[in-house]
Amino acid sequence: MKAGVEGDIVRLTLEVDDFGDIVPTAQIGGDIVRGEVVKLPNLYETHFVTAEARFDLAGMQVQPSGSIYEPMKPGQSVTFYWSIRPRETGTYRGTVWLYLVFEERVSGEKSRMAVSAQIVEIEALDFFGLPVNFVRRLGLAGSILGLVLGFPLLDDVLKFLPNKRRAIIKK
């Protein structure tokens, strides 16, 4: 991804298979990382089950920050999204944490279980070693220069066209 430019989207999906097992899958750009299969007993009748995810990535802007919670229903997948944006070039390392929170329906007692910690490495690049903002300004200056140099040529073309049209009409 490019440093200082628009961010990228990180997606973490908890895919539930036919047996009720959970497979955490993280996707960043075109890269996909699959976690280990998590086998869970069917606790939905006695507990409320909530998935908690957090993306820890130092040196990069991550939105939303902190933990995100999504209720889990039997047989349904859950997806979390983060928007990330690097400020500078470099390699950023972080972790996508996944927890399951169980709350007993009768007593309301909560317990939390760590399910997965996906290690993520993101490389932020620049344009030929130049800062992105400098390249943008250079592109704007090139466009303005192109317009200024193009005006005399445009004037010649406009003068040429009416003469050609008159010559065609006279024939």
N, C-alpha and C. Protein backbone atom coordinates (compact mmCIF):
# COMPACT_ATOMS: atom_id res chain seq x y z
N MET A 1 0.84 -1.17 0.00
CA MET A 1 0.00 0.00 0.00
C MET A 1 0.89 1.23 0.00
N LYS A 2 0.35 2.33 -0.42
CA LYS A 2 1.11 3.56 -0.54
C LYS A 2 0.98 4.39 0.74
N ALA A 3 2.10 4.92 1.21
CA ALA A 3 2.12 5.73 2.42
C ALA A 3 1.52 7.10 2.16
N GLY A 4 0.73 7.59 3.11
CA GLY A 4 0.16 8.92 3.03
C GLY A 4 -0.98 9.07 2.06
N VAL A 5 -1.41 7.98 1.44
CA VAL A 5 -2.50 8.02 0.47
C VAL A 5 -3.74 7.43 1.12
N GLU A 6 -4.78 7.22 0.33
CA GLU A 6 -6.00 6.63 0.85
C GLU A 6 -5.66 5.32 1.55
N GLY A 7 -6.48 4.99 2.51
CA GLY A 7 -6.24 3.79 3.28
C GLY A 7 -6.71 2.53 2.58
N ASP A 8 -6.52 1.44 3.25
CA ASP A 8 -6.95 0.15 2.75
C ASP A 8 -7.91 -0.43 3.78
N ILE A 9 -8.67 -1.41 3.38
CA ILE A 9 -9.64 -2.04 4.27
C ILE A 9 -9.12 -3.40 4.69
N VAL A 10 -9.19 -3.67 5.99
CA VAL A 10 -8.85 -4.97 6.55
C VAL A 10 -10.17 -5.62 6.96
N ARG A 11 -10.34 -6.87 6.55
CA ARG A 11 -11.58 -7.58 6.86
C ARG A 11 -11.25 -8.87 7.60
N LEU A 12 -11.91 -9.08 8.72
CA LEU A 12 -11.78 -10.32 9.47
C LEU A 12 -13.15 -10.98 9.49
N THR A 13 -13.22 -12.20 8.96
CA THR A 13 -14.49 -12.93 8.90
C THR A 13 -14.38 -14.19 9.75
N LEU A 14 -15.39 -14.42 10.53
CA LEU A 14 -15.50 -15.67 11.28
C LEU A 14 -16.48 -16.53 10.52
N GLU A 15 -15.95 -17.44 9.72
CA GLU A 15 -16.78 -18.31 8.90
C GLU A 15 -17.21 -19.50 9.73
N VAL A 16 -18.49 -19.78 9.72
CA VAL A 16 -19.02 -20.91 10.48
C VAL A 16 -19.33 -22.03 9.49
N ASP A 17 -18.72 -23.20 9.71
CA ASP A 17 -18.95 -24.32 8.80
C ASP A 17 -20.18 -25.12 9.22
N ASP A 18 -20.45 -26.22 8.51
CA ASP A 18 -21.65 -27.03 8.76
C ASP A 18 -21.66 -27.68 10.15
N PHE A 19 -20.48 -27.85 10.75
CA PHE A 19 -20.39 -28.49 12.06
C PHE A 19 -20.42 -27.49 13.20
N GLY A 20 -20.53 -26.19 12.89
CA GLY A 20 -20.55 -25.15 13.91
C GLY A 20 -19.18 -24.67 14.32
N ASP A 21 -18.14 -25.18 13.64
CA ASP A 21 -16.78 -24.75 13.94
C ASP A 21 -16.51 -23.40 13.26
N ILE A 22 -15.62 -22.61 13.85
CA ILE A 22 -15.32 -21.27 13.36
C ILE A 22 -13.94 -21.26 12.73
N VAL A 23 -13.84 -20.63 11.55
CA VAL A 23 -12.55 -20.44 10.87
C VAL A 23 -12.33 -18.94 10.70
N PRO A 24 -11.38 -18.35 11.47
CA PRO A 24 -11.10 -16.92 11.29
C PRO A 24 -10.29 -16.69 10.02
N THR A 25 -10.71 -15.73 9.19
CA THR A 25 -10.04 -15.42 7.93
C THR A 25 -9.85 -13.92 7.84
N ALA A 26 -8.59 -13.49 7.72
CA ALA A 26 -8.27 -12.06 7.58
C ALA A 26 -7.89 -11.78 6.14
N GLN A 27 -8.38 -10.65 5.60
CA GLN A 27 -8.07 -10.25 4.24
C GLN A 27 -7.63 -8.79 4.23
N ILE A 28 -6.44 -8.56 3.66
CA ILE A 28 -5.89 -7.21 3.50
C ILE A 28 -5.50 -7.07 2.05
N GLY A 29 -6.20 -6.20 1.32
CA GLY A 29 -5.95 -6.08 -0.11
C GLY A 29 -6.24 -7.41 -0.77
N GLY A 30 -5.26 -7.99 -1.44
CA GLY A 30 -5.44 -9.28 -2.09
C GLY A 30 -4.91 -10.44 -1.27
N ASP A 31 -4.32 -10.17 -0.11
CA ASP A 31 -3.73 -11.21 0.73
C ASP A 31 -4.75 -11.76 1.70
N ILE A 32 -4.80 -13.09 1.81
CA ILE A 32 -5.74 -13.76 2.71
C ILE A 32 -4.95 -14.63 3.68
N VAL A 33 -5.28 -14.51 4.97
CA VAL A 33 -4.65 -15.33 6.00
C VAL A 33 -5.75 -16.07 6.74
N ARG A 34 -5.65 -17.40 6.75
CA ARG A 34 -6.64 -18.23 7.45
C ARG A 34 -6.06 -18.71 8.77
N GLY A 35 -6.87 -18.62 9.81
CA GLY A 35 -6.47 -19.10 11.12
C GLY A 35 -6.85 -20.56 11.29
N GLU A 36 -6.51 -21.08 12.45
CA GLU A 36 -6.85 -22.47 12.75
C GLU A 36 -8.34 -22.60 13.06
N VAL A 37 -8.87 -23.77 12.79
CA VAL A 37 -10.28 -24.05 13.06
C VAL A 37 -10.50 -24.07 14.57
N VAL A 38 -11.55 -23.37 15.02
CA VAL A 38 -11.90 -23.32 16.44
C VAL A 38 -13.16 -24.16 16.64
N LYS A 39 -13.02 -25.21 17.43
CA LYS A 39 -14.16 -26.08 17.69
C LYS A 39 -14.85 -25.61 18.97
N LEU A 40 -16.15 -25.35 18.85
CA LEU A 40 -16.93 -24.89 20.00
C LEU A 40 -18.12 -25.80 20.22
N PRO A 41 -18.42 -26.06 21.49
CA PRO A 41 -19.67 -26.79 21.75
C PRO A 41 -20.85 -25.86 21.49
N ASN A 42 -22.01 -26.41 21.29
CA ASN A 42 -23.19 -25.61 21.03
C ASN A 42 -23.66 -24.98 22.34
N LEU A 43 -23.27 -23.71 22.54
CA LEU A 43 -23.62 -22.99 23.77
C LEU A 43 -24.73 -21.98 23.56
N TYR A 44 -25.28 -21.93 22.36
CA TYR A 44 -26.25 -20.89 22.05
C TYR A 44 -27.54 -21.00 22.85
N GLU A 45 -27.90 -22.20 23.30
CA GLU A 45 -29.13 -22.37 24.08
C GLU A 45 -28.98 -21.85 25.50
N THR A 46 -27.77 -21.91 26.05
CA THR A 46 -27.55 -21.51 27.44
C THR A 46 -26.79 -20.19 27.58
N HIS A 47 -26.19 -19.71 26.48
CA HIS A 47 -25.36 -18.51 26.55
C HIS A 47 -25.65 -17.56 25.38
N PHE A 48 -25.44 -16.29 25.63
CA PHE A 48 -25.33 -15.31 24.55
C PHE A 48 -23.86 -15.34 24.13
N VAL A 49 -23.60 -15.44 22.84
CA VAL A 49 -22.22 -15.50 22.35
C VAL A 49 -21.95 -14.24 21.54
N THR A 50 -20.87 -13.55 21.90
CA THR A 50 -20.48 -12.33 21.21
C THR A 50 -19.04 -12.47 20.77
N ALA A 51 -18.75 -12.06 19.54
CA ALA A 51 -17.38 -12.05 19.03
C ALA A 51 -16.80 -10.65 19.29
N GLU A 52 -15.59 -10.62 19.80
CA GLU A 52 -14.87 -9.36 20.05
C GLU A 52 -13.60 -9.39 19.23
N ALA A 53 -13.35 -8.32 18.48
CA ALA A 53 -12.14 -8.25 17.66
C ALA A 53 -11.45 -6.91 17.91
N ARG A 54 -10.13 -6.94 17.85
CA ARG A 54 -9.33 -5.74 18.05
C ARG A 54 -8.13 -5.81 17.11
N PHE A 55 -7.77 -4.68 16.51
CA PHE A 55 -6.64 -4.61 15.58
C PHE A 55 -5.59 -3.68 16.18
N ASP A 56 -4.51 -4.26 16.65
CA ASP A 56 -3.40 -3.50 17.22
C ASP A 56 -2.33 -3.33 16.16
N LEU A 57 -2.07 -2.09 15.76
CA LEU A 57 -1.08 -1.81 14.71
C LEU A 57 -0.43 -0.47 15.03
N ALA A 58 0.78 -0.51 15.53
CA ALA A 58 1.47 0.71 15.94
C ALA A 58 1.95 1.50 14.73
N GLY A 59 1.85 2.83 14.81
CA GLY A 59 2.37 3.70 13.77
C GLY A 59 1.45 3.90 12.58
N MET A 60 0.28 3.33 12.62
CA MET A 60 -0.66 3.45 11.51
C MET A 60 -2.02 3.85 12.07
N GLN A 61 -2.73 4.66 11.30
CA GLN A 61 -4.06 5.10 11.71
C GLN A 61 -5.04 3.95 11.45
N VAL A 62 -5.72 3.47 12.50
CA VAL A 62 -6.67 2.36 12.41
C VAL A 62 -8.03 2.86 12.88
N GLN A 63 -9.06 2.69 12.04
CA GLN A 63 -10.42 3.08 12.39
C GLN A 63 -11.35 1.91 12.17
N PRO A 64 -12.18 1.52 13.06
CA PRO A 64 -12.31 2.02 14.41
C PRO A 64 -11.19 1.50 15.30
N SER A 65 -10.82 2.30 16.28
CA SER A 65 -9.79 1.87 17.22
C SER A 65 -10.48 1.14 18.38
N GLY A 66 -9.73 0.35 19.07
CA GLY A 66 -10.29 -0.40 20.20
C GLY A 66 -11.01 -1.65 19.74
N SER A 67 -11.80 -2.20 20.65
CA SER A 67 -12.51 -3.46 20.38
C SER A 67 -13.84 -3.21 19.68
N ILE A 68 -14.21 -4.17 18.84
CA ILE A 68 -15.50 -4.16 18.14
C ILE A 68 -16.23 -5.43 18.56
N TYR A 69 -17.52 -5.30 18.81
CA TYR A 69 -18.32 -6.44 19.26
C TYR A 69 -19.42 -6.74 18.25
N GLU A 70 -19.62 -8.02 17.97
CA GLU A 70 -20.70 -8.47 17.08
C GLU A 70 -21.35 -9.71 17.70
N PRO A 71 -22.67 -9.72 17.81
CA PRO A 71 -23.33 -10.92 18.33
C PRO A 71 -23.24 -12.06 17.33
N MET A 72 -23.07 -13.25 17.86
CA MET A 72 -22.99 -14.44 16.99
C MET A 72 -24.28 -15.23 17.12
N LYS A 73 -24.75 -15.69 15.98
CA LYS A 73 -25.95 -16.51 15.91
C LYS A 73 -25.55 -17.87 15.33
N PRO A 74 -26.25 -18.92 15.67
CA PRO A 74 -25.89 -20.26 15.17
C PRO A 74 -25.88 -20.31 13.64
N GLY A 75 -24.78 -20.80 13.07
CA GLY A 75 -24.67 -20.99 11.63
C GLY A 75 -24.43 -19.74 10.81
N GLN A 76 -24.28 -18.58 11.44
CA GLN A 76 -24.07 -17.34 10.70
C GLN A 76 -22.65 -16.82 10.90
N SER A 77 -22.07 -16.34 9.80
CA SER A 77 -20.73 -15.77 9.85
C SER A 77 -20.79 -14.34 10.36
N VAL A 78 -19.68 -13.89 10.92
CA VAL A 78 -19.55 -12.52 11.42
C VAL A 78 -18.34 -11.90 10.75
N THR A 79 -18.47 -10.61 10.36
CA THR A 79 -17.37 -9.93 9.68
C THR A 79 -17.08 -8.60 10.37
N PHE A 80 -15.79 -8.32 10.55
CA PHE A 80 -15.32 -7.07 11.12
C PHE A 80 -14.51 -6.33 10.05
N TYR A 81 -14.61 -5.01 10.04
CA TYR A 81 -13.87 -4.19 9.07
C TYR A 81 -13.09 -3.10 9.80
N TRP A 82 -11.87 -2.85 9.32
CA TRP A 82 -11.06 -1.74 9.79
C TRP A 82 -10.52 -0.99 8.58
N SER A 83 -10.41 0.30 8.70
CA SER A 83 -9.77 1.13 7.69
C SER A 83 -8.40 1.50 8.24
N ILE A 84 -7.35 1.25 7.45
CA ILE A 84 -6.00 1.56 7.90
C ILE A 84 -5.34 2.53 6.94
N ARG A 85 -4.47 3.38 7.48
CA ARG A 85 -3.77 4.35 6.65
C ARG A 85 -2.40 4.62 7.24
N PRO A 86 -1.35 4.26 6.50
CA PRO A 86 0.00 4.54 7.00
C PRO A 86 0.35 6.01 6.82
N ARG A 87 1.06 6.56 7.78
CA ARG A 87 1.48 7.96 7.68
C ARG A 87 2.81 8.08 6.93
N GLU A 88 3.68 7.09 7.10
CA GLU A 88 5.01 7.12 6.50
C GLU A 88 5.31 5.76 5.89
N THR A 89 6.39 5.71 5.11
CA THR A 89 6.81 4.44 4.52
C THR A 89 7.40 3.55 5.61
N GLY A 90 7.42 2.28 5.33
CA GLY A 90 8.01 1.33 6.26
C GLY A 90 7.18 0.07 6.36
N THR A 91 7.66 -0.84 7.18
CA THR A 91 6.96 -2.09 7.43
C THR A 91 6.30 -2.01 8.80
N TYR A 92 5.02 -2.25 8.83
CA TYR A 92 4.25 -2.18 10.06
C TYR A 92 3.81 -3.59 10.44
N ARG A 93 4.01 -3.93 11.69
CA ARG A 93 3.59 -5.23 12.19
C ARG A 93 2.54 -5.04 13.28
N GLY A 94 1.55 -5.89 13.23
CA GLY A 94 0.48 -5.79 14.22
C GLY A 94 -0.20 -7.13 14.42
N THR A 95 -1.25 -7.10 15.20
CA THR A 95 -1.99 -8.32 15.52
C THR A 95 -3.48 -8.04 15.46
N VAL A 96 -4.20 -8.95 14.84
CA VAL A 96 -5.66 -8.92 14.86
C VAL A 96 -6.09 -9.95 15.91
N TRP A 97 -6.67 -9.46 16.99
CA TRP A 97 -7.09 -10.31 18.10
C TRP A 97 -8.56 -10.67 17.96
N LEU A 98 -8.87 -11.91 18.29
CA LEU A 98 -10.25 -12.38 18.25
C LEU A 98 -10.57 -13.09 19.56
N TYR A 99 -11.66 -12.67 20.18
CA TYR A 99 -12.12 -13.27 21.42
C TYR A 99 -13.58 -13.65 21.26
N LEU A 100 -14.01 -14.64 22.03
CA LEU A 100 -15.43 -14.96 22.15
C LEU A 100 -15.83 -14.67 23.58
N VAL A 101 -16.92 -13.94 23.72
CA VAL A 101 -17.44 -13.60 25.05
C VAL A 101 -18.73 -14.38 25.24
N PHE A 102 -18.79 -15.13 26.33
CA PHE A 102 -19.96 -15.94 26.64
C PHE A 102 -20.66 -15.35 27.86
N GLU A 103 -21.97 -15.13 27.74
CA GLU A 103 -22.76 -14.63 28.86
C GLU A 103 -23.88 -15.62 29.12
N GLU A 104 -23.92 -16.14 30.34
CA GLU A 104 -24.96 -17.10 30.69
C GLU A 104 -26.32 -16.40 30.67
N ARG A 105 -27.28 -17.05 30.04
CA ARG A 105 -28.61 -16.45 29.93
C ARG A 105 -29.29 -16.29 31.29
N VAL A 106 -29.08 -17.23 32.20
CA VAL A 106 -29.77 -17.21 33.49
C VAL A 106 -29.09 -16.26 34.48
N SER A 107 -27.80 -16.47 34.72
CA SER A 107 -27.10 -15.71 35.76
C SER A 107 -26.48 -14.40 35.25
N GLY A 108 -26.23 -14.30 33.95
CA GLY A 108 -25.59 -13.10 33.41
C GLY A 108 -24.09 -13.09 33.59
N GLU A 109 -23.54 -14.19 34.10
CA GLU A 109 -22.08 -14.28 34.30
C GLU A 109 -21.37 -14.34 32.96
N LYS A 110 -20.29 -13.55 32.83
CA LYS A 110 -19.56 -13.48 31.56
C LYS A 110 -18.20 -14.17 31.68
N SER A 111 -17.80 -14.76 30.58
CA SER A 111 -16.45 -15.30 30.46
C SER A 111 -15.93 -14.96 29.07
N ARG A 112 -14.62 -14.87 28.96
CA ARG A 112 -13.99 -14.44 27.71
C ARG A 112 -12.90 -15.43 27.34
N MET A 113 -12.88 -15.83 26.05
CA MET A 113 -11.91 -16.81 25.59
C MET A 113 -11.17 -16.26 24.38
N ALA A 114 -9.85 -16.25 24.44
CA ALA A 114 -9.05 -15.83 23.29
C ALA A 114 -9.10 -16.95 22.26
N VAL A 115 -9.45 -16.60 21.02
CA VAL A 115 -9.62 -17.60 19.97
C VAL A 115 -8.46 -17.56 18.99
N SER A 116 -8.05 -16.35 18.60
CA SER A 116 -7.04 -16.24 17.56
C SER A 116 -6.28 -14.93 17.71
N ALA A 117 -5.02 -15.00 17.34
CA ALA A 117 -4.18 -13.80 17.26
C ALA A 117 -3.44 -13.89 15.92
N GLN A 118 -3.97 -13.20 14.91
CA GLN A 118 -3.38 -13.24 13.57
C GLN A 118 -2.30 -12.16 13.47
N ILE A 119 -1.08 -12.57 13.17
CA ILE A 119 0.03 -11.63 12.99
C ILE A 119 -0.09 -11.05 11.59
N VAL A 120 -0.02 -9.71 11.50
CA VAL A 120 -0.18 -9.02 10.23
C VAL A 120 1.06 -8.17 9.99
N GLU A 121 1.56 -8.21 8.75
CA GLU A 121 2.69 -7.36 8.36
C GLU A 121 2.28 -6.60 7.10
N ILE A 122 2.35 -5.27 7.18
CA ILE A 122 1.93 -4.41 6.08
C ILE A 122 3.11 -3.53 5.68
N GLU A 123 3.39 -3.48 4.39
CA GLU A 123 4.48 -2.65 3.90
C GLU A 123 3.89 -1.43 3.20
N ALA A 124 4.30 -0.24 3.66
CA ALA A 124 3.86 1.02 3.06
C ALA A 124 5.00 1.56 2.20
N LEU A 125 4.70 1.80 0.94
CA LEU A 125 5.70 2.25 -0.02
C LEU A 125 5.44 3.69 -0.42
N ASP A 126 6.42 4.29 -1.10
CA ASP A 126 6.24 5.62 -1.65
C ASP A 126 6.47 5.57 -3.16
N PHE A 127 6.44 6.69 -3.83
CA PHE A 127 6.57 6.76 -5.28
C PHE A 127 8.00 7.11 -5.65
N PHE A 128 8.79 6.15 -6.09
CA PHE A 128 10.20 6.34 -6.49
C PHE A 128 11.02 7.04 -5.42
N GLY A 129 10.75 6.75 -4.18
CA GLY A 129 11.52 7.35 -3.09
C GLY A 129 11.10 8.76 -2.75
N LEU A 130 10.08 9.28 -3.41
CA LEU A 130 9.61 10.64 -3.15
C LEU A 130 8.37 10.60 -2.28
N PRO A 131 8.22 11.57 -1.38
CA PRO A 131 7.00 11.62 -0.58
C PRO A 131 5.77 11.83 -1.47
N VAL A 132 4.66 11.24 -1.08
CA VAL A 132 3.44 11.26 -1.88
C VAL A 132 2.95 12.69 -2.11
N ASN A 133 2.97 13.54 -1.09
CA ASN A 133 2.50 14.92 -1.26
C ASN A 133 3.36 15.68 -2.26
N PHE A 134 4.67 15.44 -2.27
CA PHE A 134 5.55 16.09 -3.24
C PHE A 134 5.19 15.65 -4.66
N VAL A 135 4.92 14.37 -4.84
CA VAL A 135 4.54 13.85 -6.17
C VAL A 135 3.22 14.46 -6.62
N ARG A 136 2.28 14.62 -5.72
CA ARG A 136 1.00 15.26 -6.07
C ARG A 136 1.21 16.70 -6.52
N ARG A 137 2.04 17.44 -5.78
CA ARG A 137 2.31 18.84 -6.16
C ARG A 137 3.03 18.91 -7.50
N LEU A 138 3.95 17.98 -7.73
CA LEU A 138 4.67 17.94 -8.99
C LEU A 138 3.70 17.64 -10.14
N GLY A 139 2.76 16.77 -9.95
CA GLY A 139 1.75 16.48 -10.97
C GLY A 139 0.87 17.67 -11.26
N LEU A 140 0.49 18.42 -10.23
CA LEU A 140 -0.31 19.63 -10.42
C LEU A 140 0.48 20.67 -11.20
N ALA A 141 1.76 20.85 -10.86
CA ALA A 141 2.59 21.82 -11.57
C ALA A 141 2.75 21.40 -13.04
N GLY A 142 2.90 20.12 -13.31
CA GLY A 142 3.01 19.63 -14.69
C GLY A 142 1.73 19.87 -15.48
N SER A 143 0.59 19.71 -14.84
CA SER A 143 -0.69 19.97 -15.52
C SER A 143 -0.83 21.44 -15.87
N ILE A 144 -0.49 22.31 -14.95
CA ILE A 144 -0.57 23.75 -15.20
C ILE A 144 0.39 24.15 -16.31
N LEU A 145 1.61 23.63 -16.29
CA LEU A 145 2.59 23.91 -17.34
C LEU A 145 2.08 23.42 -18.69
N GLY A 146 1.47 22.25 -18.72
CA GLY A 146 0.91 21.72 -19.96
C GLY A 146 -0.19 22.60 -20.52
N LEU A 147 -1.04 23.14 -19.65
CA LEU A 147 -2.09 24.05 -20.10
C LEU A 147 -1.51 25.35 -20.67
N VAL A 148 -0.52 25.90 -20.00
CA VAL A 148 0.10 27.15 -20.46
C VAL A 148 0.77 26.96 -21.82
N LEU A 149 1.49 25.86 -21.96
CA LEU A 149 2.17 25.60 -23.23
C LEU A 149 1.20 25.18 -24.33
N GLY A 150 0.05 24.67 -23.96
CA GLY A 150 -0.92 24.21 -24.95
C GLY A 150 -1.78 25.31 -25.53
N PHE A 151 -1.88 26.47 -24.88
CA PHE A 151 -2.73 27.56 -25.38
C PHE A 151 -2.31 28.07 -26.76
N PRO A 152 -1.03 28.31 -27.04
CA PRO A 152 -0.68 28.77 -28.41
C PRO A 152 -1.06 27.75 -29.48
N LEU A 153 -0.89 26.48 -29.20
CA LEU A 153 -1.27 25.43 -30.14
C LEU A 153 -2.79 25.42 -30.35
N LEU A 154 -3.55 25.60 -29.28
CA LEU A 154 -5.00 25.64 -29.38
C LEU A 154 -5.44 26.84 -30.24
N ASP A 155 -4.76 27.98 -30.10
CA ASP A 155 -5.09 29.17 -30.89
C ASP A 155 -4.86 28.90 -32.38
N ASP A 156 -3.76 28.25 -32.73
CA ASP A 156 -3.48 27.91 -34.14
C ASP A 156 -4.52 26.96 -34.70
N VAL A 157 -4.95 26.00 -33.92
CA VAL A 157 -5.95 25.04 -34.38
C VAL A 157 -7.28 25.75 -34.62
N LEU A 158 -7.67 26.64 -33.73
CA LEU A 158 -8.93 27.36 -33.89
C LEU A 158 -8.89 28.28 -35.12
N LYS A 159 -7.74 28.88 -35.44
CA LYS A 159 -7.61 29.73 -36.62
C LYS A 159 -7.64 28.89 -37.90
N PHE A 160 -7.09 27.70 -37.84
CA PHE A 160 -7.01 26.82 -39.00
C PHE A 160 -8.38 26.25 -39.37
N LEU A 161 -9.19 25.89 -38.38
CA LEU A 161 -10.48 25.25 -38.64
C LEU A 161 -11.45 26.11 -39.46
N PRO A 162 -11.67 27.38 -39.15
CA PRO A 162 -12.61 28.17 -39.97
C PRO A 162 -12.16 28.30 -41.42
N ASN A 163 -10.85 28.41 -41.67
CA ASN A 163 -10.35 28.51 -43.04
C ASN A 163 -10.64 27.22 -43.81
N LYS A 164 -10.49 26.09 -43.19
CA LYS A 164 -10.77 24.81 -43.84
C LYS A 164 -12.27 24.69 -44.14
N ARG A 165 -13.09 25.15 -43.20
CA ARG A 165 -14.54 25.04 -43.39
C ARG A 165 -14.98 25.94 -44.57
N ARG A 166 -14.43 27.13 -44.68
CA ARG A 166 -14.78 28.00 -45.81
C ARG A 166 -14.36 27.39 -47.13
N ALA A 167 -13.19 26.75 -47.15
CA ALA A 167 -12.72 26.15 -48.40
C ALA A 167 -13.62 25.01 -48.83
N ILE A 168 -14.14 24.26 -47.91
CA ILE A 168 -15.04 23.14 -48.24
C ILE A 168 -16.39 23.68 -48.73
N ILE A 169 -16.89 24.73 -48.11
CA ILE A 169 -18.18 25.30 -48.49
C ILE A 169 -18.11 25.90 -49.90
N LYS A 170 -16.99 26.54 -50.29
CA LYS A 170 -16.86 27.18 -51.61
C LYS A 170 -16.83 26.13 -52.73
N LYS A 171 -16.40 24.95 -52.51
CA LYS A 171 -16.32 23.92 -53.54
C LYS A 171 -17.67 23.45 -53.85
